[in-house]
PDB file of all heavy atoms in Angstrom:
ATOM      1  N   ASN A   1       0.819  -1.216   0.000  1.00  0.00           N
ATOM      2  CA  ASN A   1       0.000   0.000   0.000  1.00  0.00           C
ATOM      3  C   ASN A   1       0.851   1.264   0.000  1.00  0.00           C
ATOM      4  O   ASN A   1       0.545   2.246   0.690  1.00  0.00           O
ATOM      5  CB  ASN A   1      -0.943   0.009   1.203  1.00  0.00           C
ATOM      6  CG  ASN A   1      -1.922  -1.153   1.181  1.00  0.00           C
ATOM      7  OD1 ASN A   1      -2.349  -1.588   0.114  1.00  0.00           O
ATOM      8  ND2 ASN A   1      -2.269  -1.671   2.354  1.00  0.00           N
ATOM      9  N   GLY A   2       1.943   1.217  -0.758  1.00  0.00           N
ATOM     10  CA  GLY A   2       2.796   2.387  -0.909  1.00  0.00           C
ATOM     11  C   GLY A   2       3.745   2.654   0.236  1.00  0.00           C
ATOM     12  O   GLY A   2       4.467   3.655   0.221  1.00  0.00           O
ATOM     13  N   LYS A   3       3.789   1.759   1.230  1.00  0.00           N
ATOM     14  CA  LYS A   3       4.657   1.953   2.393  1.00  0.00           C
ATOM     15  C   LYS A   3       5.700   0.848   2.496  1.00  0.00           C
ATOM     16  O   LYS A   3       5.436  -0.298   2.155  1.00  0.00           O
ATOM     17  CB  LYS A   3       3.820   2.004   3.671  1.00  0.00           C
ATOM     18  CG  LYS A   3       2.848   3.173   3.726  1.00  0.00           C
ATOM     19  CD  LYS A   3       2.072   3.166   5.042  1.00  0.00           C
ATOM     20  CE  LYS A   3       1.110   4.355   5.105  1.00  0.00           C
ATOM     21  NZ  LYS A   3       0.341   4.361   6.382  1.00  0.00           N
ATOM     22  N   LYS A   4       6.875   1.232   2.984  1.00  0.00           N
ATOM     23  CA  LYS A   4       7.967   0.288   3.181  1.00  0.00           C
ATOM     24  C   LYS A   4       8.180   0.042   4.680  1.00  0.00           C
ATOM     25  O   LYS A   4       8.357   0.996   5.436  1.00  0.00           O
ATOM     26  CB  LYS A   4       9.261   0.819   2.561  1.00  0.00           C
ATOM     27  CG  LYS A   4       9.246   0.793   1.035  1.00  0.00           C
ATOM     28  CD  LYS A   4      10.555   1.253   0.442  1.00  0.00           C
ATOM     29  CE  LYS A   4      10.691   2.756   0.494  1.00  0.00           C
ATOM     30  NZ  LYS A   4      11.875   3.247  -0.239  1.00  0.00           N
ATOM     31  N   ILE A   5       8.171  -1.224   5.064  1.00  0.00           N
ATOM     32  CA  ILE A   5       8.383  -1.607   6.460  1.00  0.00           C
ATOM     33  C   ILE A   5       9.540  -2.592   6.517  1.00  0.00           C
ATOM     34  O   ILE A   5       9.552  -3.596   5.787  1.00  0.00           O
ATOM     35  CB  ILE A   5       7.118  -2.243   7.065  1.00  0.00           C
ATOM     36  CG1 ILE A   5       5.939  -1.245   7.020  1.00  0.00           C
ATOM     37  CG2 ILE A   5       7.378  -2.693   8.492  1.00  0.00           C
ATOM     38  CD1 ILE A   5       4.626  -1.853   7.451  1.00  0.00           C
ATOM     39  N   ASP A   6      10.533  -2.318   7.358  1.00  0.00           N
ATOM     40  CA  ASP A   6      11.658  -3.231   7.520  1.00  0.00           C
ATOM     41  C   ASP A   6      11.230  -4.469   8.304  1.00  0.00           C
ATOM     42  O   ASP A   6      10.640  -4.356   9.383  1.00  0.00           O
ATOM     43  CB  ASP A   6      12.807  -2.539   8.252  1.00  0.00           C
ATOM     44  CG  ASP A   6      13.558  -1.551   7.373  1.00  0.00           C
ATOM     45  OD1 ASP A   6      13.300  -1.542   6.147  1.00  0.00           O
ATOM     46  OD2 ASP A   6      14.394  -0.800   7.904  1.00  0.00           O
ATOM     47  N   ILE A   7      11.547  -5.649   7.736  1.00  0.00           N
ATOM     48  CA  ILE A   7      11.261  -6.909   8.405  1.00  0.00           C
ATOM     49  C   ILE A   7      12.300  -7.138   9.507  1.00  0.00           C
ATOM     50  O   ILE A   7      13.494  -6.898   9.304  1.00  0.00           O
ATOM     51  CB  ILE A   7      11.275  -8.072   7.395  1.00  0.00           C
ATOM     52  CG1 ILE A   7      10.206  -7.852   6.323  1.00  0.00           C
ATOM     53  CG2 ILE A   7      11.063  -9.406   8.098  1.00  0.00           C
ATOM     54  CD1 ILE A   7       8.802  -7.746   6.846  1.00  0.00           C
ATOM     55  N   LYS A   8      11.866  -7.625  10.633  1.00  0.00           N
ATOM     56  CA  LYS A   8      12.760  -7.895  11.756  1.00  0.00           C
ATOM     57  C   LYS A   8      13.273  -9.335  11.713  1.00  0.00           C
ATOM     58  O   LYS A   8      12.685 -10.205  11.087  1.00  0.00           O
ATOM     59  CB  LYS A   8      12.026  -7.638  13.075  1.00  0.00           C
ATOM     60  CG  LYS A   8      11.537  -6.202  13.245  1.00  0.00           C
ATOM     61  CD  LYS A   8      10.739  -6.043  14.539  1.00  0.00           C
ATOM     62  CE  LYS A   8      10.215  -4.622  14.693  1.00  0.00           C
ATOM     63  NZ  LYS A   8       9.385  -4.467  15.918  1.00  0.00           N
ATOM     64  N   ASN A   9      14.380  -9.547  12.433  1.00  0.00           N
ATOM     65  CA  ASN A   9      14.970 -10.875  12.613  1.00  0.00           C
ATOM     66  C   ASN A   9      15.473 -11.489  11.305  1.00  0.00           C
ATOM     67  O   ASN A   9      15.433 -12.704  11.118  1.00  0.00           O
ATOM     68  CB  ASN A   9      13.974 -11.827  13.285  1.00  0.00           C
ATOM     69  CG  ASN A   9      14.674 -12.993  13.971  1.00  0.00           C
ATOM     70  OD1 ASN A   9      15.820 -12.886  14.408  1.00  0.00           O
ATOM     71  ND2 ASN A   9      13.990 -14.119  14.061  1.00  0.00           N
ATOM     72  N   VAL A  10      15.950 -10.623  10.404  1.00  0.00           N
ATOM     73  CA  VAL A  10      16.578 -11.084   9.161  1.00  0.00           C
ATOM     74  C   VAL A  10      17.955 -11.666   9.504  1.00  0.00           C
ATOM     75  O   VAL A  10      18.624 -11.166  10.424  1.00  0.00           O
ATOM     76  CB  VAL A  10      16.699  -9.910   8.170  1.00  0.00           C
ATOM     77  CG1 VAL A  10      17.427 -10.314   6.892  1.00  0.00           C
ATOM     78  CG2 VAL A  10      15.317  -9.362   7.838  1.00  0.00           C
ATOM     79  N   PRO A  11      18.409 -12.710   8.807  1.00  0.00           N
ATOM     80  CA  PRO A  11      19.731 -13.257   9.129  1.00  0.00           C
ATOM     81  C   PRO A  11      20.837 -12.212   8.966  1.00  0.00           C
ATOM     82  O   PRO A  11      20.758 -11.343   8.090  1.00  0.00           O
ATOM     83  CB  PRO A  11      19.905 -14.408   8.135  1.00  0.00           C
ATOM     84  CG  PRO A  11      18.940 -14.124   7.038  1.00  0.00           C
ATOM     85  CD  PRO A  11      17.782 -13.445   7.696  1.00  0.00           C
ATOM     86  N   THR A  12      21.840 -12.294   9.815  1.00  0.00           N
ATOM     87  CA  THR A  12      22.992 -11.396   9.721  1.00  0.00           C
ATOM     88  C   THR A  12      23.791 -11.726   8.474  1.00  0.00           C
ATOM     89  O   THR A  12      24.129 -12.886   8.229  1.00  0.00           O
ATOM     90  CB  THR A  12      23.879 -11.540  10.962  1.00  0.00           C
ATOM     91  OG1 THR A  12      23.114 -11.230  12.127  1.00  0.00           O
ATOM     92  CG2 THR A  12      25.078 -10.609  10.878  1.00  0.00           C
ATOM     93  N   VAL A  13      24.085 -10.703   7.657  1.00  0.00           N
ATOM     94  CA  VAL A  13      24.761 -10.960   6.402  1.00  0.00           C
ATOM     95  C   VAL A  13      26.210 -10.474   6.454  1.00  0.00           C
ATOM     96  O   VAL A  13      26.565  -9.590   7.236  1.00  0.00           O
ATOM     97  CB  VAL A  13      24.028 -10.294   5.215  1.00  0.00           C
ATOM     98  CG1 VAL A  13      22.577 -10.726   5.166  1.00  0.00           C
ATOM     99  CG2 VAL A  13      24.145  -8.779   5.266  1.00  0.00           C
ATOM    100  N   TYR A  14      27.014 -11.090   5.623  1.00  0.00           N
ATOM    101  CA  TYR A  14      28.393 -10.673   5.405  1.00  0.00           C
ATOM    102  C   TYR A  14      28.366  -9.698   4.230  1.00  0.00           C
ATOM    103  O   TYR A  14      28.392 -10.091   3.065  1.00  0.00           O
ATOM    104  CB  TYR A  14      29.251 -11.898   5.098  1.00  0.00           C
ATOM    105  CG  TYR A  14      30.725 -11.631   4.889  1.00  0.00           C
ATOM    106  CD1 TYR A  14      31.520 -11.159   5.927  1.00  0.00           C
ATOM    107  CD2 TYR A  14      31.323 -11.894   3.661  1.00  0.00           C
ATOM    108  CE1 TYR A  14      32.876 -10.933   5.736  1.00  0.00           C
ATOM    109  CE2 TYR A  14      32.683 -11.687   3.466  1.00  0.00           C
ATOM    110  CZ  TYR A  14      33.452 -11.200   4.506  1.00  0.00           C
ATOM    111  OH  TYR A  14      34.804 -10.989   4.315  1.00  0.00           O
ATOM    112  N   ASN A  15      28.251  -8.418   4.547  1.00  0.00           N
ATOM    113  CA  ASN A  15      28.069  -7.389   3.532  1.00  0.00           C
ATOM    114  C   ASN A  15      29.433  -6.884   3.075  1.00  0.00           C
ATOM    115  O   ASN A  15      29.978  -5.915   3.601  1.00  0.00           O
ATOM    116  CB  ASN A  15      27.220  -6.238   4.100  1.00  0.00           C
ATOM    117  CG  ASN A  15      26.903  -5.178   3.064  1.00  0.00           C
ATOM    118  OD1 ASN A  15      26.950  -5.444   1.865  1.00  0.00           O
ATOM    119  ND2 ASN A  15      26.582  -3.981   3.512  1.00  0.00           N
ATOM    120  N   ARG A  16      29.974  -7.578   2.098  1.00  0.00           N
ATOM    121  CA  ARG A  16      31.305  -7.241   1.595  1.00  0.00           C
ATOM    122  C   ARG A  16      31.331  -7.454   0.088  1.00  0.00           C
ATOM    123  O   ARG A  16      30.913  -8.510  -0.405  1.00  0.00           O
ATOM    124  CB  ARG A  16      32.371  -8.109   2.264  1.00  0.00           C
ATOM    125  CG  ARG A  16      33.795  -7.858   1.753  1.00  0.00           C
ATOM    126  CD  ARG A  16      34.779  -8.798   2.428  1.00  0.00           C
ATOM    127  NE  ARG A  16      36.112  -8.692   1.871  1.00  0.00           N
ATOM    128  CZ  ARG A  16      37.046  -7.828   2.271  1.00  0.00           C
ATOM    129  NH1 ARG A  16      36.760  -7.000   3.269  1.00  0.00           N
ATOM    130  NH2 ARG A  16      38.242  -7.792   1.711  1.00  0.00           N
ATOM    131  N   GLY A  17      31.818  -6.473  -0.654  1.00  0.00           N
ATOM    132  CA  GLY A  17      31.926  -6.615  -2.103  1.00  0.00           C
ATOM    133  C   GLY A  17      30.587  -6.949  -2.716  1.00  0.00           C
ATOM    134  O   GLY A  17      29.611  -6.213  -2.564  1.00  0.00           O
ATOM    135  N   GLN A  18      30.510  -8.077  -3.381  1.00  0.00           N
ATOM    136  CA  GLN A  18      29.279  -8.520  -4.020  1.00  0.00           C
ATOM    137  C   GLN A  18      28.377  -9.303  -3.073  1.00  0.00           C
ATOM    138  O   GLN A  18      27.288  -9.731  -3.467  1.00  0.00           O
ATOM    139  CB  GLN A  18      29.615  -9.379  -5.244  1.00  0.00           C
ATOM    140  CG  GLN A  18      30.378  -8.621  -6.319  1.00  0.00           C
ATOM    141  CD  GLN A  18      30.942  -9.533  -7.394  1.00  0.00           C
ATOM    142  OE1 GLN A  18      30.707 -10.740  -7.421  1.00  0.00           O
ATOM    143  NE2 GLN A  18      31.702  -8.949  -8.316  1.00  0.00           N
ATOM    144  N   GLY A  19      28.816  -9.494  -1.839  1.00  0.00           N
ATOM    145  CA  GLY A  19      28.047 -10.282  -0.883  1.00  0.00           C
ATOM    146  C   GLY A  19      27.109  -9.445  -0.047  1.00  0.00           C
ATOM    147  O   GLY A  19      27.344  -8.254   0.190  1.00  0.00           O
ATOM    148  N   GLY A  20      26.052 -10.062   0.434  1.00  0.00           N
ATOM    149  CA  GLY A  20      25.072  -9.404   1.277  1.00  0.00           C
ATOM    150  C   GLY A  20      23.803 -10.225   1.307  1.00  0.00           C
ATOM    151  O   GLY A  20      23.848 -11.449   1.191  1.00  0.00           O
ATOM    152  N   LEU A  21      22.666  -9.571   1.460  1.00  0.00           N
ATOM    153  CA  LEU A  21      21.369 -10.243   1.369  1.00  0.00           C
ATOM    154  C   LEU A  21      21.005 -10.297  -0.108  1.00  0.00           C
ATOM    155  O   LEU A  21      20.897  -9.257  -0.763  1.00  0.00           O
ATOM    156  CB  LEU A  21      20.323  -9.480   2.179  1.00  0.00           C
ATOM    157  CG  LEU A  21      18.955 -10.134   2.312  1.00  0.00           C
ATOM    158  CD1 LEU A  21      19.034 -11.518   2.946  1.00  0.00           C
ATOM    159  CD2 LEU A  21      18.013  -9.242   3.120  1.00  0.00           C
ATOM    160  N   LEU A  22      20.788 -11.492  -0.625  1.00  0.00           N
ATOM    161  CA  LEU A  22      20.737 -11.677  -2.068  1.00  0.00           C
ATOM    162  C   LEU A  22      19.323 -12.038  -2.537  1.00  0.00           C
ATOM    163  O   LEU A  22      18.419 -11.243  -2.421  1.00  0.00           O
ATOM    164  CB  LEU A  22      21.800 -12.705  -2.483  1.00  0.00           C
ATOM    165  CG  LEU A  22      23.227 -12.343  -2.020  1.00  0.00           C
ATOM    166  CD1 LEU A  22      24.215 -13.455  -2.322  1.00  0.00           C
ATOM    167  CD2 LEU A  22      23.684 -11.031  -2.637  1.00  0.00           C
ATOM    168  N   ASP A  23      19.096 -13.238  -3.032  1.00  0.00           N
ATOM    169  CA  ASP A  23      17.818 -13.547  -3.674  1.00  0.00           C
ATOM    170  C   ASP A  23      16.750 -13.961  -2.664  1.00  0.00           C
ATOM    171  O   ASP A  23      17.040 -14.263  -1.492  1.00  0.00           O
ATOM    172  CB  ASP A  23      18.012 -14.658  -4.705  1.00  0.00           C
ATOM    173  CG  ASP A  23      16.999 -14.593  -5.836  1.00  0.00           C
ATOM    174  OD1 ASP A  23      16.278 -13.585  -5.931  1.00  0.00           O
ATOM    175  OD2 ASP A  23      16.939 -15.545  -6.636  1.00  0.00           O
ATOM    176  N   ILE A  24      15.499 -13.999  -3.124  1.00  0.00           N
ATOM    177  CA  ILE A  24      14.374 -14.387  -2.281  1.00  0.00           C
ATOM    178  C   ILE A  24      13.307 -15.043  -3.151  1.00  0.00           C
ATOM    179  O   ILE A  24      13.045 -14.593  -4.269  1.00  0.00           O
ATOM    180  CB  ILE A  24      13.808 -13.169  -1.518  1.00  0.00           C
ATOM    181  CG1 ILE A  24      12.673 -13.581  -0.571  1.00  0.00           C
ATOM    182  CG2 ILE A  24      13.375 -12.061  -2.469  1.00  0.00           C
ATOM    183  CD1 ILE A  24      12.287 -12.486   0.405  1.00  0.00           C
ATOM    184  N   LYS A  25      12.709 -16.135  -2.665  1.00  0.00           N
ATOM    185  CA  LYS A  25      11.660 -16.840  -3.378  1.00  0.00           C
ATOM    186  C   LYS A  25      10.646 -17.397  -2.369  1.00  0.00           C
ATOM    187  O   LYS A  25      11.003 -17.735  -1.236  1.00  0.00           O
ATOM    188  CB  LYS A  25      12.228 -18.018  -4.185  1.00  0.00           C
ATOM    189  CG  LYS A  25      12.934 -17.629  -5.461  1.00  0.00           C
ATOM    190  CD  LYS A  25      11.980 -17.126  -6.513  1.00  0.00           C
ATOM    191  CE  LYS A  25      12.683 -16.815  -7.832  1.00  0.00           C
ATOM    192  NZ  LYS A  25      13.661 -15.729  -7.731  1.00  0.00           N
ATOM    193  N   LEU A  26       9.410 -17.532  -2.805  1.00  0.00           N
ATOM    194  CA  LEU A  26       8.391 -18.206  -2.013  1.00  0.00           C
ATOM    195  C   LEU A  26       8.338 -19.676  -2.390  1.00  0.00           C
ATOM    196  O   LEU A  26       8.569 -20.048  -3.551  1.00  0.00           O
ATOM    197  CB  LEU A  26       7.013 -17.587  -2.262  1.00  0.00           C
ATOM    198  CG  LEU A  26       6.831 -16.096  -1.990  1.00  0.00           C
ATOM    199  CD1 LEU A  26       5.360 -15.716  -2.191  1.00  0.00           C
ATOM    200  CD2 LEU A  26       7.296 -15.724  -0.602  1.00  0.00           C
ATOM    201  N   HIS A  27       8.028 -20.519  -1.420  1.00  0.00           N
ATOM    202  CA  HIS A  27       7.780 -21.934  -1.714  1.00  0.00           C
ATOM    203  C   HIS A  27       6.613 -22.034  -2.688  1.00  0.00           C
ATOM    204  O   HIS A  27       5.665 -21.235  -2.621  1.00  0.00           O
ATOM    205  CB  HIS A  27       7.460 -22.671  -0.412  1.00  0.00           C
ATOM    206  CG  HIS A  27       7.420 -24.163  -0.561  1.00  0.00           C
ATOM    207  ND1 HIS A  27       6.347 -24.827  -1.119  1.00  0.00           N
ATOM    208  CD2 HIS A  27       8.320 -25.119  -0.203  1.00  0.00           C
ATOM    209  CE1 HIS A  27       6.588 -26.128  -1.112  1.00  0.00           C
ATOM    210  NE2 HIS A  27       7.777 -26.331  -0.572  1.00  0.00           N
ATOM    211  N   PRO A  28       6.631 -22.989  -3.631  1.00  0.00           N
ATOM    212  CA  PRO A  28       5.500 -23.124  -4.561  1.00  0.00           C
ATOM    213  C   PRO A  28       4.149 -23.294  -3.858  1.00  0.00           C
ATOM    214  O   PRO A  28       3.116 -22.900  -4.404  1.00  0.00           O
ATOM    215  CB  PRO A  28       5.867 -24.378  -5.364  1.00  0.00           C
ATOM    216  CG  PRO A  28       7.358 -24.453  -5.291  1.00  0.00           C
ATOM    217  CD  PRO A  28       7.725 -23.931  -3.938  1.00  0.00           C
ATOM    218  N   ASN A  29       4.160 -23.862  -2.652  1.00  0.00           N
ATOM    219  CA  ASN A  29       2.929 -24.014  -1.869  1.00  0.00           C
ATOM    220  C   ASN A  29       2.910 -23.043  -0.688  1.00  0.00           C
ATOM    221  O   ASN A  29       2.475 -23.391   0.412  1.00  0.00           O
ATOM    222  CB  ASN A  29       2.787 -25.462  -1.373  1.00  0.00           C
ATOM    223  CG  ASN A  29       2.650 -26.435  -2.521  1.00  0.00           C
ATOM    224  OD1 ASN A  29       1.991 -26.157  -3.516  1.00  0.00           O
ATOM    225  ND2 ASN A  29       3.296 -27.586  -2.395  1.00  0.00           N
ATOM    226  N   TYR A  30       3.383 -21.828  -0.954  1.00  0.00           N
ATOM    227  CA  TYR A  30       3.509 -20.841   0.124  1.00  0.00           C
ATOM    228  C   TYR A  30       2.199 -20.606   0.864  1.00  0.00           C
ATOM    229  O   TYR A  30       2.195 -20.454   2.088  1.00  0.00           O
ATOM    230  CB  TYR A  30       4.030 -19.513  -0.434  1.00  0.00           C
ATOM    231  CG  TYR A  30       4.069 -18.414   0.592  1.00  0.00           C
ATOM    232  CD1 TYR A  30       5.112 -18.347   1.513  1.00  0.00           C
ATOM    233  CD2 TYR A  30       3.049 -17.457   0.666  1.00  0.00           C
ATOM    234  CE1 TYR A  30       5.141 -17.356   2.477  1.00  0.00           C
ATOM    235  CE2 TYR A  30       3.076 -16.460   1.623  1.00  0.00           C
ATOM    236  CZ  TYR A  30       4.125 -16.416   2.537  1.00  0.00           C
ATOM    237  OH  TYR A  30       4.142 -15.447   3.507  1.00  0.00           O
ATOM    238  N   THR A  31       1.100 -20.553   0.159  1.00  0.00           N
ATOM    239  CA  THR A  31      -0.173 -20.267   0.832  1.00  0.00           C
ATOM    240  C   THR A  31      -0.533 -21.341   1.852  1.00  0.00           C
ATOM    241  O   THR A  31      -1.296 -21.084   2.796  1.00  0.00           O
ATOM    242  CB  THR A  31      -1.315 -20.135  -0.190  1.00  0.00           C
ATOM    243  OG1 THR A  31      -1.355 -21.308  -1.016  1.00  0.00           O
ATOM    244  CG2 THR A  31      -1.107 -18.905  -1.065  1.00  0.00           C
TER     245      THR A  31
END
């Protein structure tokens, strides 16, 4: 609805160079 909310308890990432928090996908049976 036009608003951005930061999700909590995200895994700690190694944010270096090309590394960081990368891809994301839902399980095919996510619902």
